Amino acid sequence: MYIESMNRSLEPSLSFGDATFIADILERTKDVKHARRLTAIRFRMLGYSSNEVCRLLSITPESLRKWVNVWNQSGEAGLQPVPRSGRPRKLGSEIRDLVVERIQGTTRDGEPFTATVFHGYLKKTL
């Protein structure tokens, strides 16, 4: 009985769209996490087993179950990543602009900045 209900919860509903609809969204999305979640749902719609989807996408069965349940409740919008709280970035806008300018530029010798050269530059400058 438990296994039956578990498997039923891993069936994505077609009420929010089918595999073709998801393929169209995948072509437009730029977020890797969103694409991975949608791919898992699409694979299940295409008939892949839960074990196959988990193996192919290197995800846990719990993640797949959660994503399918979210899809069944909210559709594609529910699978969008949400901003997470946390410590704000240390770089102010002036430093960020300087970093972008330097990355796109070259050293005094005319060489492009490498990660090592740029690290040394930042240590001297800041």
Protein backbone atom coordinates (compact mmCIF):
# COMPACT_ATOMS: atom_id res chain seq x y z
CA MET A 1 0.00 0.00 0.00
CA TYR A 2 2.75 2.48 0.96
CA ILE A 3 4.74 1.70 -2.19
CA GLU A 4 1.64 2.27 -4.35
CA SER A 5 0.99 5.70 -2.85
CA MET A 6 4.67 6.58 -3.12
CA ASN A 7 4.72 5.69 -6.83
CA ARG A 8 1.49 7.59 -7.47
CA SER A 9 3.02 10.73 -5.99
CA LEU A 10 5.83 10.45 -8.52
CA GLU A 11 3.50 10.80 -11.49
CA PRO A 12 3.51 14.37 -12.82
CA SER A 13 0.08 15.78 -13.58
CA LEU A 14 -0.63 16.89 -17.13
CA SER A 15 -2.88 19.70 -15.88
CA PHE A 16 -0.01 22.22 -16.09
CA GLY A 17 1.38 21.01 -19.42
CA ASP A 18 2.89 18.02 -21.12
CA ALA A 19 6.42 16.99 -22.13
CA THR A 20 6.30 19.18 -25.26
CA PHE A 21 5.31 22.21 -23.17
CA ILE A 22 8.25 21.56 -20.85
CA ALA A 23 10.62 21.19 -23.82
CA ASP A 24 9.56 24.66 -24.99
CA ILE A 25 10.29 26.11 -21.55
CA LEU A 26 13.66 24.35 -21.42
CA GLU A 27 14.71 26.08 -24.64
CA ARG A 28 14.09 29.48 -23.04
CA THR A 29 15.27 29.01 -19.47
CA LYS A 30 18.71 30.25 -18.49
CA ASP A 31 18.69 28.93 -14.94
CA VAL A 32 20.43 25.56 -14.53
CA LYS A 33 18.48 24.56 -11.42
CA HIS A 34 15.17 25.34 -13.08
CA ALA A 35 16.18 23.37 -16.17
CA ARG A 36 17.23 20.37 -14.10
CA ARG A 37 13.91 20.30 -12.23
CA LEU A 38 11.92 20.62 -15.45
CA THR A 39 14.01 17.90 -17.09
CA ALA A 40 13.21 15.52 -14.24
CA ILE A 41 9.49 16.20 -14.66
CA ARG A 42 9.74 15.80 -18.43
CA PHE A 43 11.59 12.49 -18.15
CA ARG A 44 8.87 11.16 -15.84
CA MET A 45 6.22 12.27 -18.36
CA LEU A 46 8.11 10.49 -21.12
CA GLY A 47 7.92 7.23 -19.18
CA TYR A 48 11.33 7.04 -17.53
CA SER A 49 11.21 5.29 -14.18
CA SER A 50 11.96 7.22 -11.02
CA ASN A 51 15.20 5.27 -10.61
CA GLU A 52 16.28 6.11 -14.17
CA VAL A 53 15.56 9.81 -13.70
CA CYS A 54 17.47 9.89 -10.41
CA ARG A 55 20.43 8.10 -11.97
CA LEU A 56 20.48 10.22 -15.14
CA LEU A 57 20.27 13.54 -13.30
CA SER A 58 22.27 12.49 -10.22
CA ILE A 59 19.46 13.45 -7.86
CA THR A 60 17.96 11.75 -4.83
CA PRO A 61 14.53 10.13 -4.89
CA GLU A 62 13.47 12.66 -2.25
CA SER A 63 14.33 15.56 -4.57
CA LEU A 64 12.42 13.98 -7.44
CA ARG A 65 9.41 13.33 -5.22
CA LYS A 66 9.47 16.93 -3.98
CA TRP A 67 9.75 18.36 -7.51
CA VAL A 68 6.89 16.21 -8.82
CA ASN A 69 4.69 17.22 -5.89
CA VAL A 70 5.53 20.90 -6.47
CA TRP A 71 4.76 20.47 -10.20
CA ASN A 72 1.43 18.83 -9.36
CA GLN A 73 0.49 21.73 -7.08
CA SER A 74 1.95 24.78 -8.86
CA GLY A 75 3.23 23.78 -12.28
CA GLU A 76 6.33 25.32 -13.82
CA ALA A 77 6.22 28.44 -11.65
CA GLY A 78 6.68 26.35 -8.51
CA LEU A 79 9.94 24.90 -9.83
CA GLN A 80 11.55 28.32 -10.28
CA PRO A 81 14.44 28.86 -7.85
CA VAL A 82 13.73 31.42 -5.16
CA PRO A 83 16.27 33.93 -3.85
CA ARG A 84 17.88 32.77 -0.65
CA SER A 85 18.64 34.92 2.31
CA GLY A 86 22.19 35.27 3.43
CA ARG A 87 25.08 37.57 3.90
CA PRO A 88 25.21 40.39 1.35
CA ARG A 89 28.17 40.63 -0.99
CA LYS A 90 31.22 42.44 0.30
CA LEU A 91 31.96 44.16 -2.99
CA GLY A 92 30.50 47.62 -3.33
CA SER A 93 29.52 48.97 -6.72
CA GLU A 94 32.80 50.90 -7.10
CA ILE A 95 34.91 47.79 -6.52
CA ARG A 96 32.65 45.67 -8.71
CA ASP A 97 33.00 48.18 -11.57
CA LEU A 98 36.78 48.18 -11.10
CA VAL A 99 36.88 44.39 -11.21
CA VAL A 100 34.86 44.28 -14.43
CA GLU A 101 37.03 46.99 -15.99
CA ARG A 102 40.24 45.18 -15.09
CA ILE A 103 39.03 41.76 -16.20
CA GLN A 104 38.17 43.16 -19.60
CA GLY A 105 41.45 45.08 -19.82
CA THR A 106 45.13 44.21 -19.81
CA THR A 107 48.10 44.66 -17.51
CA ARG A 108 50.58 47.52 -17.98
CA ASP A 109 52.63 45.12 -20.10
CA GLY A 110 49.67 44.61 -22.44
CA GLU A 111 48.96 41.06 -21.26
CA PRO A 112 45.40 39.98 -20.45
CA PHE A 113 44.65 39.52 -16.76
CA THR A 114 44.91 35.91 -15.60
CA ALA A 115 43.37 34.79 -12.32
CA THR A 116 46.77 34.86 -10.61
CA VAL A 117 47.71 38.29 -11.96
CA PHE A 118 44.29 39.66 -11.06
CA HIS A 119 44.54 38.27 -7.52
CA GLY A 120 47.90 39.99 -7.08
CA TYR A 121 46.48 43.22 -8.47
CA LEU A 122 43.59 43.14 -5.99
CA LYS A 123 45.89 42.44 -3.07
CA LYS A 124 48.01 45.49 -3.95
CA THR A 125 45.05 47.75 -4.75
CA LEU A 126 42.73 46.89 -1.89
